[in-house]
Amino acid sequence: MRVSDGQNSLAEKEILMKRYSPEQIVSKLRQADVELGKGHTVKEVCRKIEVTEQTYYRWRQKYGGMSPGLVKELKTFQRENHRLRKIIADQRIDLEIMKEAIAYDSKNS
């Protein structure tokens, strides 16, 4: 039995925190569907695609039924949404500055 000193090695952290791109996730979900179709349990499938059951179900909820093309489209929309939110935030700041300037001018006039 291994005693942990509370610190994980770099390799252990990489295993614990591995990130997958949406395209890789869709691929793994498709692989999981094939394995489930062969009669394997979710637990066995998760072990084979190297993710936890919790991650599998989270991915299934978010990406289930998506094709790789839809994933790319989703990423494009998310980037555009982020860009537009940034523009709106900048405009709100500009508006607040203008309101303060008008209020200052009206007090000093």
PDB file of N, CA and C in Angstrom:
ATOM      1  N   MET A   1       0.848  -1.177   0.000  1.00  0.00           N
ATOM      2  CA  MET A   1       0.000   0.000   0.000  1.00  0.00           C
ATOM      3  C   MET A   1       0.889   1.233   0.000  1.00  0.00           C
ATOM      4  N   ARG A   2       0.541   2.191  -0.817  1.00  0.00           N
ATOM      5  CA  ARG A   2       1.332   3.405  -0.978  1.00  0.00           C
ATOM      6  C   ARG A   2       0.811   4.488  -0.046  1.00  0.00           C
ATOM      7  N   VAL A   3       1.721   5.103   0.653  1.00  0.00           N
ATOM      8  CA  VAL A   3       1.354   6.195   1.547  1.00  0.00           C
ATOM      9  C   VAL A   3       1.582   7.497   0.798  1.00  0.00           C
ATOM     10  N   SER A   4       0.572   8.333   0.759  1.00  0.00           N
ATOM     11  CA  SER A   4       0.676   9.596   0.037  1.00  0.00           C
ATOM     12  C   SER A   4       1.136  10.688   0.980  1.00  0.00           C
ATOM     13  N   ASP A   5       2.054  11.516   0.501  1.00  0.00           N
ATOM     14  CA  ASP A   5       2.528  12.629   1.306  1.00  0.00           C
ATOM     15  C   ASP A   5       1.711  13.888   1.040  1.00  0.00           C
ATOM     16  N   GLY A   6       0.594  13.735   0.292  1.00  0.00           N
ATOM     17  CA  GLY A   6      -0.265  14.877   0.008  1.00  0.00           C
ATOM     18  C   GLY A   6       0.104  15.605  -1.264  1.00  0.00           C
ATOM     19  N   GLN A   7       1.239  15.233  -1.858  1.00  0.00           N
ATOM     20  CA  GLN A   7       1.655  15.871  -3.099  1.00  0.00           C
ATOM     21  C   GLN A   7       1.692  14.820  -4.199  1.00  0.00           C
ATOM     22  N   ASN A   8       1.056  15.160  -5.331  1.00  0.00           N
ATOM     23  CA  ASN A   8       1.062  14.251  -6.469  1.00  0.00           C
ATOM     24  C   ASN A   8       2.240  14.575  -7.359  1.00  0.00           C
ATOM     25  N   SER A   9       2.790  13.546  -7.976  1.00  0.00           N
ATOM     26  CA  SER A   9       3.864  13.783  -8.934  1.00  0.00           C
ATOM     27  C   SER A   9       3.275  14.429 -10.175  1.00  0.00           C
ATOM     28  N   LEU A  10       4.135  14.986 -11.002  1.00  0.00           N
ATOM     29  CA  LEU A  10       3.682  15.650 -12.224  1.00  0.00           C
ATOM     30  C   LEU A  10       2.912  14.681 -13.113  1.00  0.00           C
ATOM     31  N   ALA A  11       3.392  13.465 -13.250  1.00  0.00           N
ATOM     32  CA  ALA A  11       2.712  12.474 -14.092  1.00  0.00           C
ATOM     33  C   ALA A  11       1.319  12.172 -13.553  1.00  0.00           C
ATOM     34  N   GLU A  12       1.189  12.045 -12.235  1.00  0.00           N
ATOM     35  CA  GLU A  12      -0.116  11.781 -11.633  1.00  0.00           C
ATOM     36  C   GLU A  12      -1.068  12.944 -11.874  1.00  0.00           C
ATOM     37  N   LYS A  13      -0.572  14.168 -11.762  1.00  0.00           N
ATOM     38  CA  LYS A  13      -1.417  15.339 -12.002  1.00  0.00           C
ATOM     39  C   LYS A  13      -1.883  15.383 -13.448  1.00  0.00           C
ATOM     40  N   GLU A  14      -0.998  15.033 -14.386  1.00  0.00           N
ATOM     41  CA  GLU A  14      -1.383  15.032 -15.790  1.00  0.00           C
ATOM     42  C   GLU A  14      -2.474  14.013 -16.047  1.00  0.00           C
ATOM     43  N   ILE A  15      -2.383  12.861 -15.404  1.00  0.00           N
ATOM     44  CA  ILE A  15      -3.406  11.835 -15.557  1.00  0.00           C
ATOM     45  C   ILE A  15      -4.717  12.317 -14.956  1.00  0.00           C
ATOM     46  N   LEU A  16      -4.642  12.933 -13.787  1.00  0.00           N
ATOM     47  CA  LEU A  16      -5.847  13.389 -13.115  1.00  0.00           C
ATOM     48  C   LEU A  16      -6.510  14.563 -13.828  1.00  0.00           C
ATOM     49  N   MET A  17      -5.730  15.424 -14.455  1.00  0.00           N
ATOM     50  CA  MET A  17      -6.262  16.648 -15.023  1.00  0.00           C
ATOM     51  C   MET A  17      -6.174  16.686 -16.548  1.00  0.00           C
ATOM     52  N   LYS A  18      -6.197  15.560 -17.211  1.00  0.00           N
ATOM     53  CA  LYS A  18      -6.081  15.551 -18.664  1.00  0.00           C
ATOM     54  C   LYS A  18      -7.282  16.254 -19.280  1.00  0.00           C
ATOM     55  N   ARG A  19      -6.994  17.116 -20.227  1.00  0.00           N
ATOM     56  CA  ARG A  19      -8.029  17.867 -20.924  1.00  0.00           C
ATOM     57  C   ARG A  19      -8.196  17.311 -22.325  1.00  0.00           C
ATOM     58  N   TYR A  20      -9.425  17.218 -22.761  1.00  0.00           N
ATOM     59  CA  TYR A  20      -9.717  16.759 -24.101  1.00  0.00           C
ATOM     60  C   TYR A  20     -10.398  17.871 -24.884  1.00  0.00           C
ATOM     61  N   SER A  21     -10.093  17.933 -26.163  1.00  0.00           N
ATOM     62  CA  SER A  21     -10.784  18.899 -27.018  1.00  0.00           C
ATOM     63  C   SER A  21     -12.199  18.370 -27.266  1.00  0.00           C
ATOM     64  N   PRO A  22     -13.117  19.248 -27.634  1.00  0.00           N
ATOM     65  CA  PRO A  22     -14.476  18.764 -27.926  1.00  0.00           C
ATOM     66  C   PRO A  22     -14.506  17.680 -29.006  1.00  0.00           C
ATOM     67  N   GLU A  23     -13.619  17.795 -29.997  1.00  0.00           N
ATOM     68  CA  GLU A  23     -13.568  16.769 -31.043  1.00  0.00           C
ATOM     69  C   GLU A  23     -13.142  15.422 -30.458  1.00  0.00           C
ATOM     70  N   GLN A  24     -12.171  15.451 -29.543  1.00  0.00           N
ATOM     71  CA  GLN A  24     -11.729  14.210 -28.902  1.00  0.00           C
ATOM     72  C   GLN A  24     -12.852  13.626 -28.036  1.00  0.00           C
ATOM     73  N   ILE A  25     -13.602  14.488 -27.382  1.00  0.00           N
ATOM     74  CA  ILE A  25     -14.706  14.024 -26.535  1.00  0.00           C
ATOM     75  C   ILE A  25     -15.759  13.326 -27.387  1.00  0.00           C
ATOM     76  N   VAL A  26     -16.135  13.941 -28.506  1.00  0.00           N
ATOM     77  CA  VAL A  26     -17.129  13.323 -29.394  1.00  0.00           C
ATOM     78  C   VAL A  26     -16.620  11.978 -29.891  1.00  0.00           C
ATOM     79  N   SER A  27     -15.337  11.905 -30.216  1.00  0.00           N
ATOM     80  CA  SER A  27     -14.754  10.641 -30.668  1.00  0.00           C
ATOM     81  C   SER A  27     -14.836   9.578 -29.576  1.00  0.00           C
ATOM     82  N   LYS A  28     -14.506   9.970 -28.352  1.00  0.00           N
ATOM     83  CA  LYS A  28     -14.572   9.010 -27.239  1.00  0.00           C
ATOM     84  C   LYS A  28     -16.014   8.572 -26.977  1.00  0.00           C
ATOM     85  N   LEU A  29     -16.970   9.498 -27.104  1.00  0.00           N
ATOM     86  CA  LEU A  29     -18.375   9.133 -26.908  1.00  0.00           C
ATOM     87  C   LEU A  29     -18.844   8.160 -27.987  1.00  0.00           C
ATOM     88  N   ARG A  30     -18.387   8.360 -29.209  1.00  0.00           N
ATOM     89  CA  ARG A  30     -18.741   7.424 -30.289  1.00  0.00           C
ATOM     90  C   ARG A  30     -18.144   6.048 -30.012  1.00  0.00           C
ATOM     91  N   GLN A  31     -16.892   6.042 -29.543  1.00  0.00           N
ATOM     92  CA  GLN A  31     -16.243   4.776 -29.189  1.00  0.00           C
ATOM     93  C   GLN A  31     -17.029   4.100 -28.064  1.00  0.00           C
ATOM     94  N   ALA A  32     -17.477   4.890 -27.115  1.00  0.00           N
ATOM     95  CA  ALA A  32     -18.258   4.342 -25.999  1.00  0.00           C
ATOM     96  C   ALA A  32     -19.575   3.748 -26.503  1.00  0.00           C
ATOM     97  N   ASP A  33     -20.229   4.422 -27.454  1.00  0.00           N
ATOM     98  CA  ASP A  33     -21.476   3.899 -28.009  1.00  0.00           C
ATOM     99  C   ASP A  33     -21.269   2.540 -28.663  1.00  0.00           C
ATOM    100  N   VAL A  34     -20.151   2.403 -29.377  1.00  0.00           N
ATOM    101  CA  VAL A  34     -19.849   1.125 -30.031  1.00  0.00           C
ATOM    102  C   VAL A  34     -19.674   0.039 -28.978  1.00  0.00           C
ATOM    103  N   GLU A  35     -18.903   0.351 -27.944  1.00  0.00           N
ATOM    104  CA  GLU A  35     -18.654  -0.640 -26.886  1.00  0.00           C
ATOM    105  C   GLU A  35     -19.937  -0.988 -26.131  1.00  0.00           C
ATOM    106  N   LEU A  36     -20.770   0.016 -25.867  1.00  0.00           N
ATOM    107  CA  LEU A  36     -22.045  -0.254 -25.195  1.00  0.00           C
ATOM    108  C   LEU A  36     -22.932  -1.131 -26.078  1.00  0.00           C
ATOM    109  N   GLY A  37     -22.869  -0.898 -27.400  1.00  0.00           N
ATOM    110  CA  GLY A  37     -23.628  -1.719 -28.342  1.00  0.00           C
ATOM    111  C   GLY A  37     -23.182  -3.169 -28.349  1.00  0.00           C
ATOM    112  N   LYS A  38     -21.934  -3.395 -27.993  1.00  0.00           N
ATOM    113  CA  LYS A  38     -21.399  -4.762 -27.918  1.00  0.00           C
ATOM    114  C   LYS A  38     -21.786  -5.448 -26.609  1.00  0.00           C
ATOM    115  N   GLY A  39     -22.470  -4.718 -25.723  1.00  0.00           N
ATOM    116  CA  GLY A  39     -22.934  -5.323 -24.488  1.00  0.00           C
ATOM    117  C   GLY A  39     -22.069  -5.044 -23.272  1.00  0.00           C
ATOM    118  N   HIS A  40     -21.071  -4.196 -23.403  1.00  0.00           N
ATOM    119  CA  HIS A  40     -20.230  -3.863 -22.257  1.00  0.00           C
ATOM    120  C   HIS A  40     -20.980  -2.914 -21.321  1.00  0.00           C
ATOM    121  N   THR A  41     -20.603  -2.930 -20.065  1.00  0.00           N
ATOM    122  CA  THR A  41     -21.228  -2.025 -19.097  1.00  0.00           C
ATOM    123  C   THR A  41     -20.579  -0.644 -19.198  1.00  0.00           C
ATOM    124  N   VAL A  42     -21.261   0.349 -18.638  1.00  0.00           N
ATOM    125  CA  VAL A  42     -20.728   1.715 -18.652  1.00  0.00           C
ATOM    126  C   VAL A  42     -19.391   1.755 -17.911  1.00  0.00           C
ATOM    127  N   LYS A  43     -19.301   1.031 -16.824  1.00  0.00           N
ATOM    128  CA  LYS A  43     -18.054   1.005 -16.051  1.00  0.00           C
ATOM    129  C   LYS A  43     -16.891   0.477 -16.893  1.00  0.00           C
ATOM    130  N   GLU A  44     -17.133  -0.603 -17.632  1.00  0.00           N
ATOM    131  CA  GLU A  44     -16.093  -1.173 -18.491  1.00  0.00           C
ATOM    132  C   GLU A  44     -15.722  -0.204 -19.620  1.00  0.00           C
ATOM    133  N   VAL A  45     -16.729   0.418 -20.192  1.00  0.00           N
ATOM    134  CA  VAL A  45     -16.499   1.360 -21.288  1.00  0.00           C
ATOM    135  C   VAL A  45     -15.686   2.555 -20.795  1.00  0.00           C
ATOM    136  N   CYS A  46     -16.028   3.067 -19.623  1.00  0.00           N
ATOM    137  CA  CYS A  46     -15.295   4.212 -19.070  1.00  0.00           C
ATOM    138  C   CYS A  46     -13.835   3.854 -18.834  1.00  0.00           C
ATOM    139  N   ARG A  47     -13.591   2.660 -18.361  1.00  0.00           N
ATOM    140  CA  ARG A  47     -12.219   2.221 -18.156  1.00  0.00           C
ATOM    141  C   ARG A  47     -11.484   2.161 -19.495  1.00  0.00           C
ATOM    142  N   LYS A  48     -12.178   1.689 -20.529  1.00  0.00           N
ATOM    143  CA  LYS A  48     -11.551   1.553 -21.843  1.00  0.00           C
ATOM    144  C   LYS A  48     -11.241   2.920 -22.472  1.00  0.00           C
ATOM    145  N   ILE A  49     -12.135   3.908 -22.310  1.00  0.00           N
ATOM    146  CA  ILE A  49     -11.887   5.234 -22.904  1.00  0.00           C
ATOM    147  C   ILE A  49     -11.138   6.156 -21.938  1.00  0.00           C
ATOM    148  N   GLU A  50     -10.777   5.605 -20.780  1.00  0.00           N
ATOM    149  CA  GLU A  50      -9.927   6.277 -19.797  1.00  0.00           C
ATOM    150  C   GLU A  50     -10.531   7.547 -19.203  1.00  0.00           C
ATOM    151  N   VAL A  51     -11.807   7.454 -18.815  1.00  0.00           N
ATOM    152  CA  VAL A  51     -12.458   8.553 -18.104  1.00  0.00           C
ATOM    153  C   VAL A  51     -13.293   7.973 -16.973  1.00  0.00           C
ATOM    154  N   THR A  52     -13.644   8.822 -16.017  1.00  0.00           N
ATOM    155  CA  THR A  52     -14.506   8.359 -14.932  1.00  0.00           C
ATOM    156  C   THR A  52     -15.947   8.308 -15.423  1.00  0.00           C
ATOM    157  N   GLU A  53     -16.773   7.580 -14.692  1.00  0.00           N
ATOM    158  CA  GLU A  53     -18.194   7.512 -15.050  1.00  0.00           C
ATOM    159  C   GLU A  53     -18.824   8.895 -14.972  1.00  0.00           C
ATOM    160  N   GLN A  54     -18.433   9.682 -13.976  1.00  0.00           N
ATOM    161  CA  GLN A  54     -18.962  11.035 -13.823  1.00  0.00           C
ATOM    162  C   GLN A  54     -18.647  11.864 -15.064  1.00  0.00           C
ATOM    163  N   THR A  55     -17.408  11.786 -15.537  1.00  0.00           N
ATOM    164  CA  THR A  55     -17.008  12.521 -16.740  1.00  0.00           C
ATOM    165  C   THR A  55     -17.792  12.032 -17.947  1.00  0.00           C
ATOM    166  N   TYR A  56     -17.951  10.723 -18.056  1.00  0.00           N
ATOM    167  CA  TYR A  56     -18.709  10.154 -19.178  1.00  0.00           C
ATOM    168  C   TYR A  56     -20.122  10.730 -19.213  1.00  0.00           C
ATOM    169  N   TYR A  57     -20.805  10.721 -18.080  1.00  0.00           N
ATOM    170  CA  TYR A  57     -22.188  11.207 -18.048  1.00  0.00           C
ATOM    171  C   TYR A  57     -22.260  12.723 -18.293  1.00  0.00           C
ATOM    172  N   ARG A  58     -21.260  13.465 -17.796  1.00  0.00           N
ATOM    173  CA  ARG A  58     -21.216  14.907 -18.042  1.00  0.00           C
ATOM    174  C   ARG A  58     -21.029  15.182 -19.529  1.00  0.00           C
ATOM    175  N   TRP A  59     -20.097  14.452 -20.141  1.00  0.00           N
ATOM    176  CA  TRP A  59     -19.865  14.594 -21.577  1.00  0.00           C
ATOM    177  C   TRP A  59     -21.113  14.208 -22.361  1.00  0.00           C
ATOM    178  N   ARG A  60     -21.752  13.116 -21.963  1.00  0.00           N
ATOM    179  CA  ARG A  60     -22.938  12.637 -22.657  1.00  0.00           C
ATOM    180  C   ARG A  60     -24.027  13.712 -22.626  1.00  0.00           C
ATOM    181  N   GLN A  61     -24.149  14.375 -21.474  1.00  0.00           N
ATOM    182  CA  GLN A  61     -25.162  15.417 -21.336  1.00  0.00           C
ATOM    183  C   GLN A  61     -24.828  16.618 -22.219  1.00  0.00           C
ATOM    184  N   LYS A  62     -23.556  16.989 -22.286  1.00  0.00           N
ATOM    185  CA  LYS A  62     -23.165  18.185 -23.026  1.00  0.00           C
ATOM    186  C   LYS A  62     -23.005  17.920 -24.520  1.00  0.00           C
ATOM    187  N   TYR A  63     -22.377  16.817 -24.904  1.00  0.00           N
ATOM    188  CA  TYR A  63     -22.021  16.569 -26.295  1.00  0.00           C
ATOM    189  C   TYR A  63     -22.785  15.417 -26.941  1.00  0.00           C
ATOM    190  N   GLY A  64     -23.663  14.751 -26.195  1.00  0.00           N
ATOM    191  CA  GLY A  64     -24.363  13.591 -26.732  1.00  0.00           C
ATOM    192  C   GLY A  64     -25.118  13.913 -28.014  1.00  0.00           C
ATOM    193  N   GLY A  65     -24.898  13.125 -29.037  1.00  0.00           N
ATOM    194  CA  GLY A  65     -25.594  13.313 -30.301  1.00  0.00           C
ATOM    195  C   GLY A  65     -24.958  14.320 -31.238  1.00  0.00           C
ATOM    196  N   MET A  66     -23.860  14.933 -30.833  1.00  0.00           N
ATOM    197  CA  MET A  66     -23.204  15.920 -31.692  1.00  0.00           C
ATOM    198  C   MET A  66     -22.244  15.239 -32.654  1.00  0.00           C
ATOM    199  N   SER A  67     -22.194  15.800 -33.849  1.00  0.00           N
ATOM    200  CA  SER A  67     -21.191  15.348 -34.812  1.00  0.00           C
ATOM    201  C   SER A  67     -19.986  16.269 -34.691  1.00  0.00           C
ATOM    202  N   PRO A  68     -18.846  15.857 -35.202  1.00  0.00           N
ATOM    203  CA  PRO A  68     -17.664  16.739 -35.141  1.00  0.00           C
ATOM    204  C   PRO A  68     -17.912  18.107 -35.785  1.00  0.00           C
ATOM    205  N   GLY A  69     -18.711  18.143 -36.842  1.00  0.00           N
ATOM    206  CA  GLY A  69     -19.041  19.426 -37.487  1.00  0.00           C
ATOM    207  C   GLY A  69     -19.817  20.344 -36.568  1.00  0.00           C
ATOM    208  N   LEU A  70     -20.756  19.768 -35.812  1.00  0.00           N
ATOM    209  CA  LEU A  70     -21.532  20.572 -34.862  1.00  0.00           C
ATOM    210  C   LEU A  70     -20.654  21.095 -33.731  1.00  0.00           C
ATOM    211  N   VAL A  71     -19.677  20.303 -33.334  1.00  0.00           N
ATOM    212  CA  VAL A  71     -18.765  20.735 -32.269  1.00  0.00           C
ATOM    213  C   VAL A  71     -17.971  21.946 -32.728  1.00  0.00           C
ATOM    214  N   LYS A  72     -17.478  21.906 -33.972  1.00  0.00           N
ATOM    215  CA  LYS A  72     -16.738  23.055 -34.505  1.00  0.00           C
ATOM    216  C   LYS A  72     -17.631  24.286 -34.571  1.00  0.00           C
ATOM    217  N   GLU A  73     -18.874  24.083 -34.981  1.00  0.00           N
ATOM    218  CA  GLU A  73     -19.823  25.200 -35.057  1.00  0.00           C
ATOM    219  C   GLU A  73     -20.094  25.762 -33.656  1.00  0.00           C
ATOM    220  N   LEU A  74     -20.244  24.884 -32.675  1.00  0.00           N
ATOM    221  CA  LEU A  74     -20.459  25.313 -31.300  1.00  0.00           C
ATOM    222  C   LEU A  74     -19.292  26.155 -30.812  1.00  0.00           C
ATOM    223  N   LYS A  75     -18.068  25.700 -31.076  1.00  0.00           N
ATOM    224  CA  LYS A  75     -16.884  26.454 -30.660  1.00  0.00           C
ATOM    225  C   LYS A  75     -16.852  27.823 -31.330  1.00  0.00           C
ATOM    226  N   THR A  76     -17.233  27.892 -32.604  1.00  0.00           N
ATOM    227  CA  THR A  76     -17.266  29.167 -33.321  1.00  0.00           C
ATOM    228  C   THR A  76     -18.275  30.106 -32.674  1.00  0.00           C
ATOM    229  N   PHE A  77     -19.448  29.596 -32.361  1.00  0.00           N
ATOM    230  CA  PHE A  77     -20.472  30.418 -31.709  1.00  0.00           C
ATOM    231  C   PHE A  77     -20.024  30.881 -30.327  1.00  0.00           C
ATOM    232  N   GLN A  78     -19.348  30.014 -29.591  1.00  0.00           N
ATOM    233  CA  GLN A  78     -18.874  30.395 -28.261  1.00  0.00           C
ATOM    234  C   GLN A  78     -17.835  31.508 -28.344  1.00  0.00           C
ATOM    235  N   ARG A  79     -16.925  31.424 -29.311  1.00  0.00           N
ATOM    236  CA  ARG A  79     -15.927  32.488 -29.495  1.00  0.00           C
ATOM    237  C   ARG A  79     -16.597  33.801 -29.872  1.00  0.00           C
ATOM    238  N   GLU A  80     -17.573  33.748 -30.781  1.00  0.00           N
ATOM    239  CA  GLU A  80     -18.292  34.953 -31.200  1.00  0.00           C
ATOM    240  C   GLU A  80     -19.068  35.548 -30.026  1.00  0.00           C
ATOM    241  N   ASN A  81     -19.691  34.698 -29.247  1.00  0.00           N
ATOM    242  CA  ASN A  81     -20.442  35.152 -28.080  1.00  0.00           C
ATOM    243  C   ASN A  81     -19.516  35.850 -27.087  1.00  0.00           C
ATOM    244  N   HIS A  82     -18.349  35.283 -26.872  1.00  0.00           N
ATOM    245  CA  HIS A  82     -17.367  35.879 -25.967  1.00  0.00           C
ATOM    246  C   HIS A  82     -16.931  37.252 -26.474  1.00  0.00           C
ATOM    247  N   ARG A  83     -16.670  37.339 -27.774  1.00  0.00           N
ATOM    248  CA  ARG A  83     -16.247  38.602 -28.387  1.00  0.00           C
ATOM    249  C   ARG A  83     -17.336  39.671 -28.232  1.00  0.00           C
ATOM    250  N   LEU A  84     -18.591  39.288 -28.483  1.00  0.00           N
ATOM    251  CA  LEU A  84     -19.694  40.246 -28.367  1.00  0.00           C
ATOM    252  C   LEU A  84     -19.922  40.686 -26.921  1.00  0.00           C
ATOM    253  N   ARG A  85     -19.790  39.761 -25.982  1.00  0.00           N
ATOM    254  CA  ARG A  85     -19.932  40.130 -24.566  1.00  0.00           C
ATOM    255  C   ARG A  85     -18.863  41.137 -24.150  1.00  0.00           C
ATOM    256  N   LYS A  86     -17.671  40.963 -24.666  1.00  0.00           N
ATOM    257  CA  LYS A  86     -16.579  41.888 -24.373  1.00  0.00           C
ATOM    258  C   LYS A  86     -16.897  43.279 -24.925  1.00  0.00           C
ATOM    259  N   ILE A  87     -17.425  43.332 -26.149  1.00  0.00           N
ATOM    260  CA  ILE A  87     -17.805  44.610 -26.750  1.00  0.00           C
ATOM    261  C   ILE A  87     -18.882  45.296 -25.919  1.00  0.00           C
ATOM    262  N   ILE A  88     -19.872  44.546 -25.488  1.00  0.00           N
ATOM    263  CA  ILE A  88     -20.957  45.113 -24.669  1.00  0.00           C
ATOM    264  C   ILE A  88     -20.409  45.646 -23.352  1.00  0.00           C
ATOM    265  N   ALA A  89     -19.509  44.901 -22.735  1.00  0.00           N
ATOM    266  CA  ALA A  89     -18.921  45.353 -21.470  1.00  0.00           C
ATOM    267  C   ALA A  89     -18.157  46.659 -21.676  1.00  0.00           C
ATOM    268  N   ASP A  90     -17.395  46.762 -22.760  1.00  0.00           N
ATOM    269  CA  ASP A  90     -16.667  47.994 -23.061  1.00  0.00           C
ATOM    270  C   ASP A  90     -17.626  49.155 -23.292  1.00  0.00           C
ATOM    271  N   GLN A  91     -18.735  48.894 -23.988  1.00  0.00           N
ATOM    272  CA  GLN A  91     -19.711  49.957 -24.238  1.00  0.00           C
ATOM    273  C   GLN A  91     -20.373  50.419 -22.936  1.00  0.00           C
ATOM    274  N   ARG A  92     -20.627  49.508 -22.035  1.00  0.00           N
ATOM    275  CA  ARG A  92     -21.213  49.881 -20.737  1.00  0.00           C
ATOM    276  C   ARG A  92     -20.267  50.788 -19.956  1.00  0.00           C
ATOM    277  N   ILE A  93     -18.981  50.471 -19.999  1.00  0.00           N
ATOM    278  CA  ILE A  93     -17.993  51.303 -19.313  1.00  0.00           C
ATOM    279  C   ILE A  93     -17.977  52.696 -19.927  1.00  0.00           C
ATOM    280  N   ASP A  94     -17.962  52.757 -21.274  1.00  0.00           N
ATOM    281  CA  ASP A  94     -17.987  54.052 -21.952  1.00  0.00           C
ATOM    282  C   ASP A  94     -19.233  54.851 -21.584  1.00  0.00           C
ATOM    283  N   LEU A  95     -20.374  54.186 -21.515  1.00  0.00           N
ATOM    284  CA  LEU A  95     -21.630  54.850 -21.154  1.00  0.00           C
ATOM    285  C   LEU A  95     -21.572  55.411 -19.736  1.00  0.00           C
ATOM    286  N   GLU A  96     -21.035  54.630 -18.808  1.00  0.00           N
ATOM    287  CA  GLU A  96     -20.918  55.104 -17.423  1.00  0.00           C
ATOM    288  C   GLU A  96     -19.992  56.314 -17.333  1.00  0.00           C
ATOM    289  N   ILE A  97     -18.898  56.292 -18.088  1.00  0.00           N
ATOM    290  CA  ILE A  97     -17.974  57.431 -18.103  1.00  0.00           C
ATOM    291  C   ILE A  97     -18.686  58.668 -18.634  1.00  0.00           C
ATOM    292  N   MET A  98     -19.464  58.508 -19.695  1.00  0.00           N
ATOM    293  CA  MET A  98     -20.199  59.642 -20.257  1.00  0.00           C
ATOM    294  C   MET A  98     -21.229  60.181 -19.275  1.00  0.00           C
ATOM    295  N   LYS A  99     -21.926  59.285 -18.570  1.00  0.00           N
ATOM    296  CA  LYS A  99     -22.909  59.720 -17.565  1.00  0.00           C
ATOM    297  C   LYS A  99     -22.229  60.526 -16.463  1.00  0.00           C
ATOM    298  N   GLU A 100     -21.073  60.044 -16.010  1.00  0.00           N
ATOM    299  CA  GLU A 100     -20.341  60.760 -14.971  1.00  0.00           C
ATOM    300  C   GLU A 100     -19.877  62.126 -15.465  1.00  0.00           C
ATOM    301  N   ALA A 101     -19.420  62.197 -16.713  1.00  0.00           N
ATOM    302  CA  ALA A 101     -18.969  63.463 -17.279  1.00  0.00           C
ATOM    303  C   ALA A 101     -20.122  64.444 -17.397  1.00  0.00           C
ATOM    304  N   ILE A 102     -21.296  63.975 -17.829  1.00  0.00           N
ATOM    305  CA  ILE A 102     -22.467  64.850 -17.947  1.00  0.00           C
ATOM    306  C   ILE A 102     -22.902  65.329 -16.573  1.00  0.00           C
ATOM    307  N   ALA A 103     -22.902  64.437 -15.591  1.00  0.00           N
ATOM    308  CA  ALA A 103     -23.283  64.830 -14.221  1.00  0.00           C
ATOM    309  C   ALA A 103     -22.301  65.839 -13.670  1.00  0.00           C
ATOM    310  N   TYR A 104     -21.016  65.678 -13.933  1.00  0.00           N
ATOM    311  CA  TYR A 104     -19.995  66.621 -13.468  1.00  0.00           C
ATOM    312  C   TYR A 104     -20.182  67.982 -14.127  1.00  0.00           C
ATOM    313  N   ASP A 105     -20.428  67.961 -15.444  1.00  0.00           N
ATOM    314  CA  ASP A 105     -20.638  69.213 -16.184  1.00  0.00           C
ATOM    315  C   ASP A 105     -21.873  69.964 -15.677  1.00  0.00           C
ATOM    316  N   SER A 106     -22.944  69.241 -15.397  1.00  0.00           N
ATOM    317  CA  SER A 106     -24.179  69.903 -14.957  1.00  0.00           C
ATOM    318  C   SER A 106     -24.014  70.499 -13.549  1.00  0.00           C
ATOM    319  N   LYS A 107     -23.173  69.901 -12.716  1.00  0.00           N
ATOM    320  CA  LYS A 107     -22.950  70.432 -11.373  1.00  0.00           C
ATOM    321  C   LYS A 107     -22.086  71.705 -11.447  1.00  0.00           C
ATOM    322  N   ASN A 108     -21.158  71.743 -12.356  1.00  0.00           N
ATOM    323  CA  ASN A 108     -20.219  72.860 -12.444  1.00  0.00           C
ATOM    324  C   ASN A 108     -20.660  73.962 -13.394  1.00  0.00           C
ATOM    325  N   SER A 109     -21.814  73.837 -13.991  1.00  0.00           N
ATOM    326  CA  SER A 109     -22.281  74.861 -14.928  1.00  0.00           C
ATOM    327  C   SER A 109     -23.060  75.940 -14.240  1.00  0.00           C
TER     328      SER A 109
END
